[in-house]
Amino acid sequence: MPDYRSLSLWFDGLPEPVTPRPGLRTDTEVDVAIVGAGLTGLWSAYYLQQADPALRVALLEAEVAGFGASGRNGGWCSALYPVHLSTLAAEAGHDAAAAQYRAMIDTVAEVVRVAEVEGIDADIALGGTVTVARSEPQLERARQEVEEGRDFGLELLDAAEATARLNATHVRGGTYTPHCAAIQPAKLVRGLAELVERRGATIYEQTPVVSIGPGAAVTNRGTVRAGTVLRATEGYTAQLHGHRRTLAPVYSLIIATEPLADAVWDEIGLRERETFTDFRHLIVYGQRTADNRMVFGGRGAPYHLGSRIDPSYDRVPRVFDLLQRSLIELFPVLAAATITHRWGGPLGIARDWHASVGLEDGLAWAGGYVGDGVSTTNLAGRTLADLITGRDTAITRLPWVGHRSRRWEPEPLRWLGANAGLQAMTLADHAEARGGRPSRVAALVNAMMGR
C-alpha cells in the first residue's frame, strides 16, 4: 500500500495513517454520481445531503479522498477569484461581477463555519492575506488592485504597515484583506470525507473513471448509473475520455521548513497567521502553520506535452531550489532553516482562466479554480446542490454558473503557449527588478491568455 504521508506536509500531519476505502465491485445505480473525492466532490455531497437526505450519492475516486490538489495545496482558503473584477464586469455587468466577488467573501466565512459546526479541526486561522510590494512596479500594481477591490475590503498599506505584518526584504508597501484563512487542507478534506460517509454517501476509492456521459460514469471496475453525473476532477480532468483540452494541468510546487523558533517568527511577523504573497508576476504564496513551520510555494514547473500527469512531476529539484532561494531572499533569517517537506501536484486552468460550474442534460461540472480552490470548491458545492435539486437561488444566478470556456489549443500549440507564458512571466520579473519599470511583456501575455 502506498505511503500517503509522502504526498504533502498536510498528509504527513494527519492524526491517523490513510487506508484506502473499498473500490467499486459491480455495476450500481444512484441518484448522483460524483467523479472525484476532492473538495469539489465532497462539498457537493455535503450540501446535497443537507438539501435532500434521501438522495443516494456515490463518489468515485481514482486514489483516496483528497489525493489531488485538495490535500496538497498551499493552505489558503481565500476570497480570490481567478477572473479580474473588471474583466468579469465586461462580460456579465458590474452588478453580477460584484455579486460573484461578494459570494467568494461569504464562502470563506462558510468554510470556517462548517468546520466549526461539524467538528472538523483543520488548524484554521482567519488572519487574512498580506501582499507586499517590493519594487515601484509592484507598488503601482498594489494601488491598482486597491482601486478595483476597495469595496470588497482590500486596504492599501504603506511600507511600515506592510512590514509590521510581514517583515520581508525591500518592502515598499502592500495590501491587506481580512478575507482569507490559513488552513490544514488535508484535515479539512479528510474530515469532510468521513462526515459525508457517516451521513450515507458511499465513497469508492481506487476506482478510476475513464469516461462520463449522460446517466453514467464508466470505471475500470464497473459502471455507475445516475440521474446526475458530476465531474469534479480539476487538474486530472484531462485523463477523462474527451476532456484532454478542457482544463490544462499546470503544476505548482511547495516546500516547508522545520518548526521555527519564536524568535524567528518575531522577526518575520505573521502574528495572526496571515497568508502572504507579493506582486511579482510568477506567483508565490506562503503561510505560517499551526506548528510554526513556514510553507512556501509557487509556479515555475513546466507544463507537460499532451496534458500529461505523472508522479515524477510532483518533485522537480530545480524548482524546489528556486523556491528555497526565493524564500531566503524574502527572509534572510531562514538561511539556516531545514526544509523538511517538498511536494507538488497539478491544478486545473481553463483557457480563459475562468472557473465555472453548471448542469446541462444530467451532466454537472465544476472546476478551473487556478489554484484558489479551497474556498471556491465550497461555493461550487453549494451551487451544484441547488442546481441538482432544482432550486433557483442567488448563487445559481452568479455569472460563473453555466460559463463555457473554449477548449485549449491542440498540441504542440498548447505546450508552446503554456511554457512560453511561464518563461515570459519569469523574464518580466527579472526585467522589472533590473529596470524598475512595469513589464510590457507581462501585460501582453495576460491579454493573450484572456486574463
Protein backbone atom coordinates (compact mmCIF):
# COMPACT_ATOMS: atom_id res chain seq x y z
CA MET A 1 0.00 0.00 0.00
CA PRO A 2 1.36 3.47 -0.86
CA ASP A 3 2.62 5.68 1.94
CA TYR A 4 0.27 8.63 1.51
CA ARG A 5 2.21 10.65 4.08
CA SER A 6 4.69 11.49 1.32
CA LEU A 7 2.02 13.35 -0.68
CA SER A 8 2.46 16.57 1.31
CA LEU A 9 3.22 18.08 4.69
CA TRP A 10 -0.54 18.06 5.22
CA PHE A 11 -0.95 14.31 4.67
CA ASP A 12 2.10 13.72 6.84
CA GLY A 13 0.37 15.68 9.61
CA LEU A 14 -2.84 13.63 9.66
CA PRO A 15 -3.51 12.01 13.04
CA GLU A 16 -4.05 8.56 11.51
CA PRO A 17 -2.48 6.74 8.52
CA VAL A 18 -4.59 6.79 5.35
CA THR A 19 -6.07 3.43 4.38
CA PRO A 20 -7.98 3.27 1.06
CA ARG A 21 -11.69 2.54 1.20
CA PRO A 22 -13.01 -0.40 -0.84
CA GLY A 23 -13.40 0.18 -4.55
CA LEU A 24 -16.46 -0.36 -6.71
CA ARG A 25 -17.15 -4.09 -7.14
CA THR A 26 -20.06 -4.20 -9.57
CA ASP A 27 -22.37 -2.01 -11.62
CA THR A 28 -24.61 0.09 -9.43
CA GLU A 29 -27.23 2.84 -9.59
CA VAL A 30 -27.54 6.03 -7.53
CA ASP A 31 -29.19 9.42 -7.80
CA VAL A 32 -25.93 11.42 -8.07
CA ALA A 33 -22.56 10.01 -9.15
CA ILE A 34 -19.68 12.34 -8.30
CA VAL A 35 -16.41 11.77 -10.13
CA GLY A 36 -13.62 12.85 -7.78
CA ALA A 37 -13.49 12.81 -3.98
CA GLY A 38 -11.65 16.07 -3.53
CA LEU A 39 -13.12 19.22 -2.06
CA THR A 40 -15.46 19.87 -5.01
CA GLY A 41 -16.99 16.42 -4.84
CA LEU A 42 -17.16 16.31 -1.05
CA TRP A 43 -18.67 19.77 -0.62
CA SER A 44 -21.24 18.86 -3.29
CA ALA A 45 -22.12 15.67 -1.42
CA TYR A 46 -22.33 17.56 1.88
CA TYR A 47 -24.78 20.17 0.59
CA LEU A 48 -26.81 17.61 -1.37
CA GLN A 49 -27.27 15.69 1.86
CA GLN A 50 -28.39 18.92 3.54
CA ALA A 51 -30.86 19.64 0.75
CA ASP A 52 -32.29 16.11 0.45
CA PRO A 53 -31.07 13.44 2.88
CA ALA A 54 -32.87 10.76 0.84
CA LEU A 55 -30.59 11.20 -2.19
CA ARG A 56 -28.33 8.27 -2.99
CA VAL A 57 -24.87 9.80 -3.53
CA ALA A 58 -21.73 7.94 -4.63
CA LEU A 59 -18.24 9.40 -5.05
CA LEU A 60 -15.77 7.70 -7.40
CA GLU A 61 -12.11 8.38 -6.64
CA ALA A 62 -9.08 7.11 -8.56
CA GLU A 63 -6.85 7.21 -5.47
CA VAL A 64 -8.00 8.28 -1.97
CA ALA A 65 -10.13 11.22 -0.85
CA GLY A 66 -8.08 14.41 -1.04
CA PHE A 67 -5.30 12.84 -3.15
CA GLY A 68 -5.20 15.73 -5.63
CA ALA A 69 -4.89 19.46 -5.10
CA SER A 70 -7.36 19.29 -2.20
CA GLY A 71 -4.72 17.66 0.01
CA ARG A 72 -1.60 19.21 -1.48
CA ASN A 73 -2.30 22.95 -1.88
CA GLY A 74 -0.76 25.87 -0.01
CA GLY A 75 -3.48 26.02 2.63
CA TRP A 76 -5.19 29.26 1.61
CA CYS A 77 -8.96 29.49 1.99
CA SER A 78 -9.28 32.83 0.23
CA ALA A 79 -11.87 35.04 -1.46
CA LEU A 80 -9.69 35.21 -4.56
CA TYR A 81 -11.44 34.58 -7.87
CA PRO A 82 -9.28 33.94 -10.97
CA VAL A 83 -11.06 36.49 -13.20
CA HIS A 84 -10.39 40.17 -12.50
CA LEU A 85 -13.44 42.16 -11.46
CA SER A 86 -13.15 44.48 -14.48
CA THR A 87 -12.93 41.52 -16.89
CA LEU A 88 -15.91 39.82 -15.28
CA ALA A 89 -17.87 43.08 -15.31
CA ALA A 90 -17.19 43.49 -19.03
CA GLU A 91 -18.63 40.01 -19.62
CA ALA A 92 -21.57 39.98 -17.21
CA GLY A 93 -22.13 43.53 -15.96
CA HIS A 94 -20.85 45.24 -12.84
CA ASP A 95 -23.65 44.07 -10.52
CA ALA A 96 -23.20 40.42 -11.47
CA ALA A 97 -19.41 40.65 -11.13
CA ALA A 98 -19.74 42.30 -7.72
CA ALA A 99 -22.16 39.56 -6.64
CA GLN A 100 -19.57 36.93 -7.63
CA TYR A 101 -16.90 38.65 -5.56
CA ARG A 102 -19.19 39.04 -2.55
CA ALA A 103 -20.14 35.36 -2.82
CA MET A 104 -16.45 34.49 -2.59
CA ILE A 105 -16.11 36.57 0.58
CA ASP A 106 -19.14 34.82 2.08
CA THR A 107 -17.62 31.47 1.12
CA VAL A 108 -14.54 31.96 3.31
CA ALA A 109 -16.83 32.50 6.30
CA GLU A 110 -18.93 29.47 5.29
CA VAL A 111 -15.92 27.12 5.25
CA VAL A 112 -14.87 28.35 8.69
CA ARG A 113 -18.46 27.97 9.94
CA VAL A 114 -18.92 24.41 8.68
CA ALA A 115 -15.59 23.27 10.08
CA GLU A 116 -16.57 24.63 13.48
CA VAL A 117 -20.15 23.31 13.44
CA GLU A 118 -19.16 19.86 12.19
CA GLY A 119 -16.15 19.50 14.49
CA ILE A 120 -13.51 19.34 11.73
CA ASP A 121 -10.26 20.51 13.33
CA ALA A 122 -8.35 21.86 10.33
CA ASP A 123 -5.98 24.27 12.15
CA ILE A 124 -7.92 27.26 10.79
CA ALA A 125 -6.74 30.82 11.48
CA LEU A 126 -8.75 33.66 9.92
CA GLY A 127 -5.79 36.02 9.64
CA GLY A 128 -6.34 37.47 6.17
CA THR A 129 -3.74 37.95 3.43
CA VAL A 130 -0.89 40.44 3.24
CA THR A 131 0.56 41.08 -0.22
CA VAL A 132 3.78 43.06 -0.19
CA ALA A 133 5.09 45.31 -2.94
CA ARG A 134 8.89 45.18 -3.21
CA SER A 135 9.51 47.49 -6.17
CA GLU A 136 7.92 50.53 -7.75
CA PRO A 137 6.13 48.49 -10.46
CA GLN A 138 4.77 46.17 -7.77
CA LEU A 139 3.63 49.13 -5.69
CA GLU A 140 1.78 50.54 -8.69
CA ARG A 141 0.02 47.19 -9.13
CA ALA A 142 -0.93 47.31 -5.46
CA ARG A 143 -2.54 50.72 -5.92
CA GLN A 144 -4.44 49.48 -8.98
CA GLU A 145 -5.75 46.42 -7.12
CA VAL A 146 -7.00 48.57 -4.25
CA GLU A 147 -8.81 50.85 -6.69
CA GLU A 148 -10.65 47.79 -8.02
CA GLY A 149 -11.08 45.95 -4.72
CA ARG A 150 -11.67 48.68 -2.15
CA ASP A 151 -15.39 47.88 -1.95
CA PHE A 152 -14.51 44.29 -1.02
CA GLY A 153 -12.32 45.07 1.98
CA LEU A 154 -8.93 45.44 0.29
CA GLU A 155 -6.71 48.01 2.08
CA LEU A 156 -3.60 49.79 0.81
CA LEU A 157 -0.66 49.56 3.24
CA ASP A 158 2.32 51.89 3.44
CA ALA A 159 5.79 50.44 3.94
CA ALA A 160 5.59 50.50 7.74
CA GLU A 161 2.13 48.92 7.84
CA ALA A 162 3.08 46.16 5.41
CA THR A 163 6.35 45.44 7.23
CA ALA A 164 4.53 45.22 10.55
CA ARG A 165 2.57 42.26 9.15
CA LEU A 166 5.34 40.71 7.04
CA ASN A 167 8.95 41.76 7.54
CA ALA A 168 10.25 40.78 4.12
CA THR A 169 13.15 42.48 2.41
CA HIS A 170 12.70 45.64 0.32
CA VAL A 171 9.05 46.22 1.30
CA ARG A 172 7.67 49.49 -0.09
CA GLY A 173 4.02 48.93 0.70
CA GLY A 174 1.33 46.40 0.01
CA THR A 175 -2.28 45.39 0.52
CA TYR A 176 -4.26 43.55 3.15
CA THR A 177 -7.58 41.74 3.02
CA PRO A 178 -9.22 40.05 6.02
CA HIS A 179 -10.98 37.54 3.75
CA CYS A 180 -8.63 34.57 3.92
CA ALA A 181 -7.96 31.76 6.38
CA ALA A 182 -4.83 29.66 6.74
CA ILE A 183 -5.90 26.04 6.88
CA GLN A 184 -4.57 22.47 7.03
CA PRO A 185 -6.28 21.26 3.84
CA ALA A 186 -5.76 17.51 4.28
CA LYS A 187 -7.50 17.65 7.66
CA LEU A 188 -10.38 19.54 6.02
CA VAL A 189 -10.83 17.21 3.05
CA ARG A 190 -10.39 14.00 5.05
CA GLY A 191 -12.78 15.31 7.71
CA LEU A 192 -15.38 16.07 5.05
CA ALA A 193 -14.99 12.58 3.59
CA GLU A 194 -15.69 10.98 6.97
CA LEU A 195 -18.65 13.31 7.50
CA VAL A 196 -20.48 12.63 4.22
CA GLU A 197 -19.77 8.93 4.58
CA ARG A 198 -21.35 8.86 8.05
CA ARG A 199 -24.41 10.56 6.58
CA GLY A 200 -24.94 7.93 3.94
CA ALA A 201 -22.77 8.72 0.91
CA THR A 202 -20.62 5.92 -0.48
CA ILE A 203 -17.00 6.72 -1.39
CA TYR A 204 -15.42 4.22 -3.78
CA GLU A 205 -11.65 4.69 -3.72
CA GLN A 206 -9.05 3.11 -6.04
CA THR A 207 -11.75 3.37 -8.73
CA PRO A 208 -10.57 5.42 -11.74
CA VAL A 209 -13.31 6.75 -14.01
CA VAL A 210 -12.41 6.51 -17.69
CA SER A 211 -15.41 8.26 -19.24
CA ILE A 212 -18.60 10.06 -18.30
CA GLY A 213 -21.82 10.73 -20.16
CA PRO A 214 -25.48 11.48 -19.50
CA GLY A 215 -26.66 8.95 -16.97
CA ALA A 216 -23.43 7.01 -16.44
CA ALA A 217 -19.85 7.08 -15.16
CA VAL A 218 -17.73 4.25 -16.54
CA THR A 219 -14.89 2.97 -14.35
CA ASN A 220 -12.36 0.18 -14.69
CA ARG A 221 -14.44 -1.75 -12.12
CA GLY A 222 -17.95 -1.28 -13.49
CA THR A 223 -20.50 1.36 -14.45
CA VAL A 224 -22.37 3.68 -12.10
CA ARG A 225 -25.69 4.85 -13.49
CA ALA A 226 -27.17 8.04 -12.09
CA GLY A 227 -29.72 10.73 -12.82
CA THR A 228 -26.90 13.26 -12.48
CA VAL A 229 -23.19 12.71 -13.12
CA LEU A 230 -20.89 15.38 -11.68
CA ARG A 231 -17.36 15.95 -12.99
CA ALA A 232 -15.20 17.15 -10.10
CA THR A 233 -11.75 16.19 -11.35
CA GLU A 234 -9.96 19.59 -11.60
CA GLY A 235 -6.27 19.04 -12.52
CA TYR A 236 -6.97 15.42 -13.53
CA THR A 237 -9.78 16.28 -15.96
CA ALA A 238 -7.54 15.68 -18.98
CA GLN A 239 -7.43 11.98 -18.11
CA LEU A 240 -11.15 11.59 -18.86
CA HIS A 241 -12.06 10.47 -22.36
CA GLY A 242 -12.95 13.51 -24.47
CA HIS A 243 -11.61 16.08 -21.98
CA ARG A 244 -7.96 16.33 -22.96
CA ARG A 245 -8.37 20.04 -23.82
CA THR A 246 -10.95 21.06 -21.20
CA LEU A 247 -8.56 22.05 -18.40
CA ALA A 248 -4.78 22.25 -18.58
CA PRO A 249 -2.99 20.52 -15.68
CA VAL A 250 -0.37 23.03 -14.51
CA TYR A 251 1.96 22.09 -11.67
CA SER A 252 2.56 24.12 -8.53
CA LEU A 253 5.32 23.05 -6.11
CA ILE A 254 5.74 23.74 -2.39
CA ILE A 255 8.37 23.48 0.34
CA ALA A 256 8.03 23.56 4.13
CA THR A 257 10.57 24.24 6.84
CA GLU A 258 11.07 22.63 10.19
CA PRO A 259 9.10 24.29 13.05
CA LEU A 260 10.75 27.67 13.64
CA ALA A 261 11.68 29.25 16.95
CA ASP A 262 9.56 32.06 18.37
CA ALA A 263 12.47 34.47 17.89
CA VAL A 264 12.45 33.76 14.14
CA TRP A 265 8.74 34.44 13.92
CA ASP A 266 9.18 37.63 15.96
CA GLU A 267 11.42 38.82 13.15
CA ILE A 268 9.26 37.62 10.24
CA GLY A 269 5.81 38.58 11.59
CA LEU A 270 2.60 36.81 10.54
CA ARG A 271 1.43 37.08 14.13
CA GLU A 272 -2.17 36.41 13.12
CA ARG A 273 -1.09 33.59 10.77
CA GLU A 274 -1.79 35.77 7.76
CA THR A 275 -1.25 34.11 4.40
CA PHE A 276 1.15 36.07 2.22
CA THR A 277 2.39 36.72 -1.29
CA ASP A 278 3.89 39.61 -3.24
CA PHE A 279 3.15 41.41 -6.50
CA ARG A 280 5.63 39.60 -8.74
CA HIS A 281 4.20 38.11 -11.95
CA LEU A 282 5.26 34.49 -11.31
CA ILE A 283 3.02 33.61 -8.39
CA VAL A 284 4.40 32.70 -4.96
CA TYR A 285 2.40 32.07 -1.79
CA GLY A 286 3.03 31.18 1.82
CA GLN A 287 1.63 30.67 5.29
CA ARG A 288 2.67 30.11 8.92
CA THR A 289 1.33 26.75 10.03
CA ALA A 290 -0.23 25.92 13.37
CA ASP A 291 3.01 24.20 14.41
CA ASN A 292 5.11 27.23 13.33
CA ARG A 293 6.53 25.97 10.04
CA MET A 294 6.92 28.20 7.02
CA VAL A 295 5.13 26.80 3.98
CA PHE A 296 6.14 28.45 0.69
CA GLY A 297 5.09 27.55 -2.84
CA GLY A 298 4.87 28.87 -6.35
CA ARG A 299 4.53 28.24 -10.04
CA GLY A 300 7.57 27.59 -12.18
CA ALA A 301 7.27 23.92 -13.08
CA PRO A 302 6.75 23.33 -16.82
CA TYR A 303 3.52 22.27 -18.49
CA HIS A 304 3.95 18.77 -19.93
CA LEU A 305 3.14 17.88 -23.52
CA GLY A 306 -0.29 16.33 -24.04
CA SER A 307 -1.53 17.43 -20.60
CA ARG A 308 0.42 14.51 -19.21
CA ILE A 309 0.29 13.84 -15.47
CA ASP A 310 2.96 11.74 -13.76
CA PRO A 311 4.00 11.37 -10.10
CA SER A 312 7.57 12.33 -11.05
CA TYR A 313 6.33 15.81 -11.97
CA ASP A 314 5.35 16.41 -8.32
CA ARG A 315 9.00 16.83 -7.41
CA VAL A 316 11.32 18.96 -9.54
CA PRO A 317 14.62 19.64 -7.71
CA ARG A 318 15.37 22.72 -9.81
CA VAL A 319 12.06 24.33 -8.86
CA PHE A 320 12.44 23.38 -5.19
CA ASP A 321 15.87 25.04 -5.19
CA LEU A 322 14.42 28.18 -6.78
CA LEU A 323 11.67 28.27 -4.16
CA GLN A 324 14.19 27.96 -1.34
CA ARG A 325 16.34 30.74 -2.80
CA SER A 326 13.27 32.96 -3.18
CA LEU A 327 12.24 32.23 0.40
CA ILE A 328 15.67 33.16 1.77
CA GLU A 329 15.76 36.28 -0.40
CA LEU A 330 12.48 37.34 1.20
CA PHE A 331 13.53 36.30 4.71
CA PRO A 332 17.33 36.03 5.20
CA VAL A 333 16.72 34.77 8.75
CA LEU A 334 15.65 31.45 7.16
CA ALA A 335 19.03 30.78 5.52
CA ALA A 336 19.83 28.08 8.06
CA ALA A 337 16.31 26.62 8.31
CA THR A 338 15.97 22.98 7.32
CA ILE A 339 13.49 22.14 4.55
CA THR A 340 11.65 19.05 5.76
CA HIS A 341 8.97 18.61 3.08
CA ARG A 342 8.88 19.11 -0.68
CA TRP A 343 5.83 18.28 -2.78
CA GLY A 344 3.57 19.42 -5.58
CA GLY A 345 0.80 18.48 -7.96
CA PRO A 346 -1.39 19.63 -10.83
CA LEU A 347 -4.12 22.25 -10.67
CA GLY A 348 -6.70 22.97 -13.35
CA ILE A 349 -6.69 26.03 -15.62
CA ALA A 350 -9.30 26.82 -18.25
CA ARG A 351 -8.27 28.52 -21.49
CA ASP A 352 -9.71 31.87 -20.34
CA TRP A 353 -8.69 31.35 -16.66
CA HIS A 354 -12.41 31.39 -15.81
CA ALA A 355 -13.64 28.99 -13.13
CA SER A 356 -17.09 27.62 -13.86
CA VAL A 357 -19.89 25.46 -12.52
CA GLY A 358 -23.00 24.16 -14.23
CA LEU A 359 -25.54 21.47 -15.03
CA GLU A 360 -26.79 20.54 -18.50
CA ASP A 361 -28.66 17.41 -19.61
CA GLY A 362 -27.80 15.45 -16.48
CA LEU A 363 -24.08 16.29 -16.61
CA ALA A 364 -22.76 18.67 -13.96
CA TRP A 365 -19.29 20.12 -13.62
CA ALA A 366 -17.16 22.48 -11.56
CA GLY A 367 -13.52 23.48 -11.77
CA GLY A 368 -10.83 25.65 -13.29
CA TYR A 369 -10.00 27.25 -9.95
CA VAL A 370 -6.43 28.23 -10.96
CA GLY A 371 -5.14 27.30 -7.51
CA ASP A 372 -7.82 29.06 -5.44
CA GLY A 373 -9.98 26.01 -4.91
CA VAL A 374 -10.02 25.58 -1.12
CA SER A 375 -12.78 28.18 -0.94
CA THR A 376 -14.19 28.11 -4.47
CA THR A 377 -14.97 24.40 -4.17
CA ASN A 378 -17.34 25.22 -1.33
CA LEU A 379 -19.23 27.75 -3.44
CA ALA A 380 -19.29 25.16 -6.22
CA GLY A 381 -20.71 22.51 -3.90
CA ARG A 382 -23.50 24.79 -2.67
CA THR A 383 -24.29 25.88 -6.22
CA LEU A 384 -24.36 22.34 -7.58
CA ALA A 385 -26.62 21.19 -4.76
CA ASP A 386 -29.09 23.93 -5.69
CA LEU A 387 -28.86 23.16 -9.41
CA ILE A 388 -29.25 19.41 -8.97
CA THR A 389 -32.23 19.76 -6.62
CA GLY A 390 -33.84 22.34 -8.92
CA ARG A 391 -33.67 25.39 -6.67
CA ASP A 392 -33.38 28.90 -8.11
CA THR A 393 -31.22 30.84 -5.64
CA ALA A 394 -28.92 33.85 -5.61
CA ILE A 395 -25.85 31.68 -6.09
CA THR A 396 -27.31 29.79 -9.06
CA ARG A 397 -27.59 33.17 -10.83
CA LEU A 398 -23.90 34.12 -10.37
CA PRO A 399 -22.03 34.74 -13.65
CA TRP A 400 -19.76 31.71 -13.38
CA VAL A 401 -22.78 29.39 -13.50
CA GLY A 402 -23.06 27.86 -16.96
CA HIS A 403 -19.92 29.59 -18.24
CA ARG A 404 -18.24 27.63 -21.02
CA SER A 405 -14.54 28.26 -21.63
CA ARG A 406 -13.24 27.50 -25.08
CA ARG A 407 -11.02 24.45 -25.35
CA TRP A 408 -7.26 24.68 -25.15
CA GLU A 409 -5.37 24.55 -28.43
CA PRO A 410 -4.25 21.15 -29.75
CA GLU A 411 -0.67 20.07 -29.22
CA PRO A 412 2.02 21.18 -29.69
CA LEU A 413 0.46 24.67 -29.64
CA ARG A 414 -0.80 24.13 -26.10
CA TRP A 415 2.66 23.13 -24.87
CA LEU A 416 4.37 26.00 -26.69
CA GLY A 417 1.90 28.62 -25.44
CA ALA A 418 1.78 27.48 -21.81
CA ASN A 419 5.54 27.25 -21.40
CA ALA A 420 6.21 30.45 -23.35
CA GLY A 421 3.85 32.23 -20.95
CA LEU A 422 5.72 30.77 -17.97
CA GLN A 423 9.05 31.95 -19.34
CA ALA A 424 7.65 35.36 -20.19
CA MET A 425 6.45 35.93 -16.63
CA THR A 426 9.86 34.90 -15.28
CA LEU A 427 11.60 37.31 -17.65
CA ALA A 428 9.12 40.05 -16.78
CA ASP A 429 10.02 39.79 -13.10
CA HIS A 430 13.73 39.95 -13.89
CA ALA A 431 13.23 42.94 -16.20
CA GLU A 432 11.24 44.84 -13.58
CA ALA A 433 13.87 44.12 -10.93
CA ARG A 434 16.62 45.48 -13.20
CA GLY A 435 14.85 48.42 -14.78
CA GLY A 436 12.29 49.50 -12.19
CA ARG A 437 9.56 49.82 -14.81
CA PRO A 438 6.38 47.76 -15.40
CA SER A 439 6.81 44.92 -17.86
CA ARG A 440 5.02 45.22 -21.19
CA VAL A 441 5.64 41.54 -21.80
CA ALA A 442 3.55 40.54 -18.78
CA ALA A 443 0.67 42.74 -19.93
CA LEU A 444 0.81 41.18 -23.41
CA VAL A 445 0.80 37.63 -22.03
CA ASN A 446 -2.16 38.38 -19.78
CA ALA A 447 -4.07 39.83 -22.72
CA MET A 448 -3.30 36.79 -24.89
CA MET A 449 -4.47 34.44 -22.14
CA GLY A 450 -7.73 36.37 -21.73
CA ARG A 451 -6.95 37.45 -18.18
